[in-house]
């Protein structure tokens, strides 16, 4: 079972930046599609960004141009650099690893209900106006 630990969340003012980290002991991330999801109170968990084994990336329209997902295979860590934060980015952010696609982030797995996802406990991001 995938075990992931997120860190880096916090409270910032609109326009600020945060860098989230997702660490995993054991098997290198290169074998998995890695993604970030977020969930605000009273809403469904939504896909934010993902990174393939070849390090190609995709982003939700709401964060494109502001967020950057990256990974350090040597340190088994995935990052989410978040710039120009907005109050609507306030959410619990979850790191996720999909174990059933051989490292590729197909569009059909960008839903939290896909059975291949393993989850971290989340880190809270709060953006004030």
N, C-alpha and C. Protein backbone atom coordinates (compact mmCIF):
# COMPACT_ATOMS: atom_id res chain seq x y z
N UNK A 1 0.84 -1.18 0.00
CA UNK A 1 0.00 0.00 0.00
C UNK A 1 0.88 1.24 0.00
N UNK A 2 0.49 2.21 -0.84
CA UNK A 2 1.25 3.44 -0.92
C UNK A 2 1.07 4.25 0.35
N UNK A 3 2.19 4.76 0.89
CA UNK A 3 2.13 5.63 2.05
C UNK A 3 2.80 6.93 1.70
N UNK A 4 2.04 8.01 1.76
CA UNK A 4 2.51 9.33 1.35
C UNK A 4 2.35 10.31 2.49
N UNK A 5 3.30 11.24 2.61
CA UNK A 5 3.24 12.25 3.67
C UNK A 5 3.44 13.62 3.05
N UNK A 6 2.43 14.47 3.16
CA UNK A 6 2.50 15.82 2.63
C UNK A 6 2.98 16.79 3.71
N UNK A 7 3.58 17.88 3.25
CA UNK A 7 3.97 18.98 4.13
C UNK A 7 4.03 20.26 3.33
N UNK A 8 4.14 21.38 4.02
CA UNK A 8 4.32 22.66 3.36
C UNK A 8 3.11 23.56 3.31
N UNK A 9 1.99 23.07 3.79
CA UNK A 9 0.80 23.90 3.79
C UNK A 9 0.92 25.03 4.81
N UNK A 10 -0.03 25.95 4.76
CA UNK A 10 -0.02 27.06 5.70
C UNK A 10 -1.00 28.12 5.28
N UNK A 11 -0.86 29.29 5.91
CA UNK A 11 -1.74 30.42 5.63
C UNK A 11 -0.95 31.54 4.97
N UNK A 12 -1.46 32.04 3.87
CA UNK A 12 -0.80 33.13 3.15
C UNK A 12 -1.85 34.12 2.68
N UNK A 13 -1.39 35.30 2.33
CA UNK A 13 -2.29 36.27 1.74
C UNK A 13 -2.37 36.06 0.23
N UNK A 14 -3.45 36.53 -0.34
CA UNK A 14 -3.62 36.42 -1.79
C UNK A 14 -2.41 37.02 -2.50
N UNK A 15 -1.97 36.32 -3.54
CA UNK A 15 -0.79 36.73 -4.27
C UNK A 15 0.48 36.08 -3.79
N UNK A 16 0.41 35.42 -2.65
CA UNK A 16 1.58 34.77 -2.08
C UNK A 16 1.85 33.41 -2.70
N UNK A 17 2.88 32.75 -2.16
CA UNK A 17 3.31 31.46 -2.69
C UNK A 17 3.51 30.45 -1.56
N UNK A 18 3.32 29.19 -1.92
CA UNK A 18 3.64 28.08 -1.03
C UNK A 18 4.20 26.94 -1.87
N UNK A 19 5.01 26.10 -1.24
CA UNK A 19 5.53 24.92 -1.91
C UNK A 19 5.17 23.70 -1.08
N UNK A 20 4.35 22.84 -1.64
CA UNK A 20 3.96 21.61 -0.98
C UNK A 20 4.92 20.49 -1.37
N UNK A 21 5.18 19.60 -0.42
CA UNK A 21 6.03 18.44 -0.67
C UNK A 21 5.26 17.17 -0.33
N UNK A 22 5.61 16.10 -1.02
CA UNK A 22 4.99 14.79 -0.79
C UNK A 22 6.10 13.76 -0.78
N UNK A 23 6.33 13.17 0.36
CA UNK A 23 7.42 12.22 0.52
C UNK A 23 6.89 10.81 0.66
N UNK A 24 7.65 9.86 0.10
CA UNK A 24 7.28 8.46 0.20
C UNK A 24 8.53 7.63 0.36
N UNK A 25 8.52 6.76 1.33
CA UNK A 25 9.63 5.83 1.51
C UNK A 25 9.39 4.60 0.64
N UNK A 26 10.47 4.03 0.13
CA UNK A 26 10.32 2.79 -0.60
C UNK A 26 10.45 2.99 -2.10
N UNK A 27 9.58 2.41 -2.87
CA UNK A 27 9.67 2.39 -4.32
C UNK A 27 9.67 3.80 -4.91
N UNK A 28 10.55 3.99 -5.89
CA UNK A 28 10.67 5.30 -6.50
C UNK A 28 9.37 5.72 -7.18
N UNK A 29 9.15 7.03 -7.20
CA UNK A 29 7.96 7.59 -7.82
C UNK A 29 7.91 7.32 -9.32
N UNK A 30 9.03 6.97 -9.95
CA UNK A 30 9.03 6.81 -11.39
C UNK A 30 8.09 5.70 -11.85
N UNK A 31 7.67 4.84 -10.94
CA UNK A 31 6.76 3.76 -11.31
C UNK A 31 5.30 4.16 -11.26
N UNK A 32 5.01 5.36 -10.77
CA UNK A 32 3.63 5.76 -10.56
C UNK A 32 3.30 7.07 -11.26
N UNK A 33 2.04 7.22 -11.64
CA UNK A 33 1.51 8.53 -11.93
C UNK A 33 1.33 9.23 -10.58
N UNK A 34 1.89 10.42 -10.45
CA UNK A 34 1.75 11.18 -9.20
C UNK A 34 0.88 12.40 -9.46
N UNK A 35 0.05 12.73 -8.49
CA UNK A 35 -0.89 13.82 -8.68
C UNK A 35 -1.13 14.56 -7.37
N UNK A 36 -1.66 15.75 -7.52
CA UNK A 36 -2.19 16.51 -6.40
C UNK A 36 -3.68 16.72 -6.64
N UNK A 37 -4.45 16.51 -5.59
CA UNK A 37 -5.88 16.81 -5.57
C UNK A 37 -6.12 17.80 -4.44
N UNK A 38 -7.28 18.44 -4.44
CA UNK A 38 -7.64 19.30 -3.33
C UNK A 38 -9.12 19.17 -3.03
N UNK A 39 -9.45 19.49 -1.80
CA UNK A 39 -10.85 19.39 -1.38
C UNK A 39 -11.15 20.47 -0.36
N UNK A 40 -12.08 21.35 -0.70
CA UNK A 40 -12.55 22.38 0.22
C UNK A 40 -13.77 21.85 0.96
N UNK A 41 -14.06 22.39 2.14
CA UNK A 41 -15.22 21.91 2.91
C UNK A 41 -16.50 21.99 2.10
N UNK A 42 -17.26 20.91 2.12
CA UNK A 42 -18.54 20.88 1.42
C UNK A 42 -18.45 20.66 -0.07
N UNK A 43 -17.25 20.39 -0.55
CA UNK A 43 -17.09 20.15 -1.99
C UNK A 43 -16.46 18.78 -2.22
N UNK A 44 -16.50 18.34 -3.47
CA UNK A 44 -15.87 17.07 -3.81
C UNK A 44 -14.38 17.30 -4.06
N UNK A 45 -13.62 16.25 -3.84
CA UNK A 45 -12.19 16.31 -4.11
C UNK A 45 -11.98 16.49 -5.61
N UNK A 46 -11.07 17.39 -5.98
CA UNK A 46 -10.85 17.65 -7.39
C UNK A 46 -9.37 17.52 -7.74
N UNK A 47 -9.15 17.08 -8.96
CA UNK A 47 -7.79 16.93 -9.49
C UNK A 47 -7.19 18.30 -9.77
N UNK A 48 -5.92 18.48 -9.42
CA UNK A 48 -5.22 19.75 -9.60
C UNK A 48 -4.14 19.64 -10.67
N UNK A 49 -3.29 18.62 -10.55
CA UNK A 49 -2.17 18.46 -11.48
C UNK A 49 -1.63 17.05 -11.36
N UNK A 50 -0.95 16.59 -12.43
CA UNK A 50 -0.27 15.30 -12.35
C UNK A 50 1.02 15.31 -13.16
N UNK A 51 1.87 14.33 -12.86
CA UNK A 51 3.16 14.21 -13.54
C UNK A 51 3.40 12.76 -13.89
N UNK A 52 3.73 12.52 -15.16
CA UNK A 52 3.97 11.18 -15.66
C UNK A 52 5.37 10.69 -15.33
N UNK A 53 5.62 9.42 -15.61
CA UNK A 53 6.96 8.87 -15.40
C UNK A 53 7.98 9.56 -16.28
N UNK A 54 7.54 10.10 -17.44
CA UNK A 54 8.48 10.82 -18.31
C UNK A 54 8.56 12.30 -17.95
N UNK A 55 7.93 12.67 -16.84
CA UNK A 55 7.93 14.02 -16.27
C UNK A 55 7.10 15.03 -17.06
N UNK A 56 6.29 14.56 -18.00
CA UNK A 56 5.31 15.45 -18.61
C UNK A 56 4.22 15.75 -17.58
N UNK A 57 3.64 16.92 -17.68
CA UNK A 57 2.71 17.38 -16.66
C UNK A 57 1.41 17.88 -17.28
N UNK A 58 0.37 17.87 -16.48
CA UNK A 58 -0.94 18.41 -16.86
C UNK A 58 -1.51 19.16 -15.66
N UNK A 59 -2.33 20.18 -15.96
CA UNK A 59 -2.88 21.02 -14.91
C UNK A 59 -4.36 21.28 -15.15
N UNK A 60 -5.09 21.44 -14.06
CA UNK A 60 -6.46 21.92 -14.16
C UNK A 60 -6.43 23.36 -14.65
N UNK A 61 -7.45 23.75 -15.40
CA UNK A 61 -7.50 25.10 -15.94
C UNK A 61 -7.42 26.16 -14.84
N UNK A 62 -7.97 25.85 -13.68
CA UNK A 62 -8.03 26.83 -12.60
C UNK A 62 -6.66 27.16 -12.02
N UNK A 63 -5.66 26.31 -12.25
CA UNK A 63 -4.34 26.55 -11.68
C UNK A 63 -3.26 26.70 -12.73
N UNK A 64 -3.61 26.51 -13.99
CA UNK A 64 -2.62 26.56 -15.08
C UNK A 64 -1.93 27.91 -15.11
N UNK A 65 -0.62 27.89 -15.19
CA UNK A 65 0.16 29.12 -15.23
C UNK A 65 0.54 29.63 -13.85
N UNK A 66 -0.06 29.07 -12.80
CA UNK A 66 0.26 29.50 -11.43
C UNK A 66 0.92 28.39 -10.61
N UNK A 67 0.54 27.15 -10.87
CA UNK A 67 1.07 26.00 -10.12
C UNK A 67 2.02 25.20 -11.00
N UNK A 68 3.03 24.60 -10.37
CA UNK A 68 3.97 23.74 -11.07
C UNK A 68 4.20 22.48 -10.26
N UNK A 69 3.97 21.34 -10.88
CA UNK A 69 4.25 20.05 -10.25
C UNK A 69 5.59 19.54 -10.75
N UNK A 70 6.38 18.98 -9.84
CA UNK A 70 7.68 18.43 -10.21
C UNK A 70 8.00 17.28 -9.28
N UNK A 71 9.05 16.55 -9.60
CA UNK A 71 9.45 15.44 -8.73
C UNK A 71 10.95 15.29 -8.71
N UNK A 72 11.43 14.77 -7.61
CA UNK A 72 12.84 14.45 -7.43
C UNK A 72 12.90 12.95 -7.15
N UNK A 73 13.21 12.19 -8.18
CA UNK A 73 13.20 10.73 -8.02
C UNK A 73 14.23 10.27 -7.00
N UNK A 74 15.36 10.97 -6.97
CA UNK A 74 16.40 10.58 -6.03
C UNK A 74 15.97 10.70 -4.59
N UNK A 75 15.13 11.69 -4.31
CA UNK A 75 14.66 11.91 -2.94
C UNK A 75 13.25 11.39 -2.72
N UNK A 76 12.68 10.75 -3.75
CA UNK A 76 11.32 10.22 -3.62
C UNK A 76 10.35 11.29 -3.13
N UNK A 77 10.43 12.47 -3.73
CA UNK A 77 9.58 13.58 -3.31
C UNK A 77 8.94 14.22 -4.53
N UNK A 78 7.66 14.55 -4.39
CA UNK A 78 6.92 15.29 -5.40
C UNK A 78 6.55 16.65 -4.81
N UNK A 79 6.63 17.67 -5.64
CA UNK A 79 6.39 19.03 -5.17
C UNK A 79 5.22 19.66 -5.93
N UNK A 80 4.60 20.63 -5.27
CA UNK A 80 3.62 21.49 -5.94
C UNK A 80 3.96 22.92 -5.56
N UNK A 81 4.55 23.64 -6.50
CA UNK A 81 4.86 25.05 -6.29
C UNK A 81 3.62 25.85 -6.66
N UNK A 82 3.13 26.63 -5.72
CA UNK A 82 1.89 27.38 -5.93
C UNK A 82 2.20 28.87 -5.81
N UNK A 83 2.04 29.58 -6.90
CA UNK A 83 2.28 31.02 -6.95
C UNK A 83 0.97 31.76 -7.22
N UNK A 84 0.99 33.05 -6.97
CA UNK A 84 -0.19 33.90 -7.23
C UNK A 84 -1.44 33.27 -6.63
N UNK A 85 -1.35 32.86 -5.39
CA UNK A 85 -2.46 32.17 -4.75
C UNK A 85 -3.67 33.08 -4.60
N UNK A 86 -4.84 32.46 -4.71
CA UNK A 86 -6.12 33.16 -4.62
C UNK A 86 -6.93 32.56 -3.46
N UNK A 87 -7.86 33.32 -2.91
CA UNK A 87 -8.69 32.76 -1.83
C UNK A 87 -9.40 31.47 -2.24
N UNK A 88 -9.76 31.35 -3.50
CA UNK A 88 -10.44 30.13 -3.96
C UNK A 88 -9.52 28.92 -4.03
N UNK A 89 -8.22 29.12 -3.81
CA UNK A 89 -7.30 27.98 -3.72
C UNK A 89 -7.31 27.36 -2.32
N UNK A 90 -8.01 27.98 -1.38
CA UNK A 90 -8.08 27.45 -0.03
C UNK A 90 -8.71 26.07 -0.04
N UNK A 91 -7.97 25.07 0.45
CA UNK A 91 -8.40 23.68 0.42
C UNK A 91 -7.45 22.83 1.23
N UNK A 92 -7.85 21.60 1.47
CA UNK A 92 -6.92 20.56 1.91
C UNK A 92 -6.33 19.95 0.64
N UNK A 93 -5.00 19.93 0.57
CA UNK A 93 -4.32 19.40 -0.61
C UNK A 93 -3.78 18.00 -0.30
N UNK A 94 -4.09 17.07 -1.20
CA UNK A 94 -3.70 15.67 -1.03
C UNK A 94 -2.80 15.24 -2.16
N UNK A 95 -1.70 14.60 -1.79
CA UNK A 95 -0.84 13.94 -2.75
C UNK A 95 -1.40 12.55 -3.02
N UNK A 96 -1.23 12.06 -4.25
CA UNK A 96 -1.75 10.75 -4.60
C UNK A 96 -0.84 10.05 -5.59
N UNK A 97 -0.77 8.74 -5.47
CA UNK A 97 0.01 7.92 -6.39
C UNK A 97 -0.90 6.86 -6.97
N UNK A 98 -0.89 6.74 -8.30
CA UNK A 98 -1.73 5.73 -8.95
C UNK A 98 -0.88 4.53 -9.32
N UNK A 99 -1.27 3.39 -8.79
CA UNK A 99 -0.44 2.19 -8.90
C UNK A 99 -0.82 1.27 -10.05
N UNK A 100 -1.79 1.64 -10.87
CA UNK A 100 -2.26 0.68 -11.86
C UNK A 100 -2.06 1.11 -13.31
N UNK A 101 -1.29 2.19 -13.55
CA UNK A 101 -1.13 2.65 -14.92
C UNK A 101 0.32 2.66 -15.38
N UNK A 102 1.21 2.04 -14.65
CA UNK A 102 2.60 1.94 -15.08
C UNK A 102 3.33 3.26 -15.16
N UNK A 103 2.86 4.27 -14.41
CA UNK A 103 3.56 5.55 -14.41
C UNK A 103 2.96 6.59 -15.34
N UNK A 104 1.89 6.23 -16.05
CA UNK A 104 1.27 7.19 -16.98
C UNK A 104 -0.03 7.74 -16.39
N UNK A 105 -0.21 9.06 -16.58
CA UNK A 105 -1.38 9.74 -16.02
C UNK A 105 -2.42 9.94 -17.11
N UNK A 106 -3.17 8.88 -17.38
CA UNK A 106 -4.21 8.98 -18.39
C UNK A 106 -5.34 9.87 -17.89
N UNK A 107 -6.01 10.51 -18.82
CA UNK A 107 -7.06 11.45 -18.42
C UNK A 107 -8.18 10.76 -17.65
N UNK A 108 -8.41 9.47 -17.92
CA UNK A 108 -9.54 8.79 -17.28
C UNK A 108 -9.28 8.43 -15.82
N UNK A 109 -8.05 8.66 -15.33
CA UNK A 109 -7.82 8.40 -13.91
C UNK A 109 -7.84 9.69 -13.09
N UNK A 110 -8.12 10.82 -13.75
CA UNK A 110 -8.09 12.09 -13.02
C UNK A 110 -9.38 12.31 -12.24
N UNK A 111 -9.81 11.30 -11.58
CA UNK A 111 -10.96 11.40 -10.70
C UNK A 111 -10.61 10.69 -9.42
N UNK A 112 -10.98 11.27 -8.27
CA UNK A 112 -10.53 10.70 -7.00
C UNK A 112 -11.06 9.30 -6.74
N UNK A 113 -12.12 8.91 -7.43
CA UNK A 113 -12.70 7.59 -7.20
C UNK A 113 -11.98 6.45 -7.89
N UNK A 114 -10.98 6.75 -8.73
CA UNK A 114 -10.26 5.67 -9.40
C UNK A 114 -9.61 4.75 -8.36
N UNK A 115 -9.73 3.46 -8.58
CA UNK A 115 -9.30 2.49 -7.58
C UNK A 115 -7.79 2.41 -7.41
N UNK A 116 -7.04 2.99 -8.36
CA UNK A 116 -5.59 2.89 -8.28
C UNK A 116 -4.93 3.91 -7.36
N UNK A 117 -5.69 4.89 -6.89
CA UNK A 117 -5.06 5.94 -6.10
C UNK A 117 -4.79 5.51 -4.66
N UNK A 118 -3.58 5.84 -4.21
CA UNK A 118 -3.23 5.80 -2.80
C UNK A 118 -3.03 7.23 -2.35
N UNK A 119 -3.42 7.55 -1.11
CA UNK A 119 -3.50 8.94 -0.68
C UNK A 119 -2.63 9.25 0.52
N UNK A 120 -2.20 10.53 0.55
CA UNK A 120 -1.64 11.07 1.77
C UNK A 120 -2.74 11.65 2.63
N UNK A 121 -2.37 12.09 3.84
CA UNK A 121 -3.37 12.57 4.79
C UNK A 121 -3.80 14.00 4.49
N UNK A 122 -3.02 14.71 3.69
CA UNK A 122 -3.38 16.06 3.30
C UNK A 122 -2.65 17.13 4.09
N UNK A 123 -2.55 18.30 3.48
CA UNK A 123 -1.98 19.47 4.14
C UNK A 123 -2.85 20.68 3.79
N UNK A 124 -3.19 21.49 4.79
CA UNK A 124 -4.14 22.57 4.61
C UNK A 124 -3.47 23.81 4.04
N UNK A 125 -4.10 24.39 3.04
CA UNK A 125 -3.68 25.66 2.47
C UNK A 125 -4.83 26.65 2.64
N UNK A 126 -4.53 27.78 3.26
CA UNK A 126 -5.53 28.82 3.47
C UNK A 126 -5.01 30.13 2.89
N UNK A 127 -5.79 30.72 1.99
CA UNK A 127 -5.39 31.96 1.34
C UNK A 127 -6.40 33.03 1.72
N UNK A 128 -5.93 34.09 2.33
CA UNK A 128 -6.81 35.18 2.76
C UNK A 128 -6.73 36.35 1.78
N UNK A 129 -7.84 37.06 1.67
CA UNK A 129 -7.89 38.17 0.72
C UNK A 129 -7.38 39.45 1.35
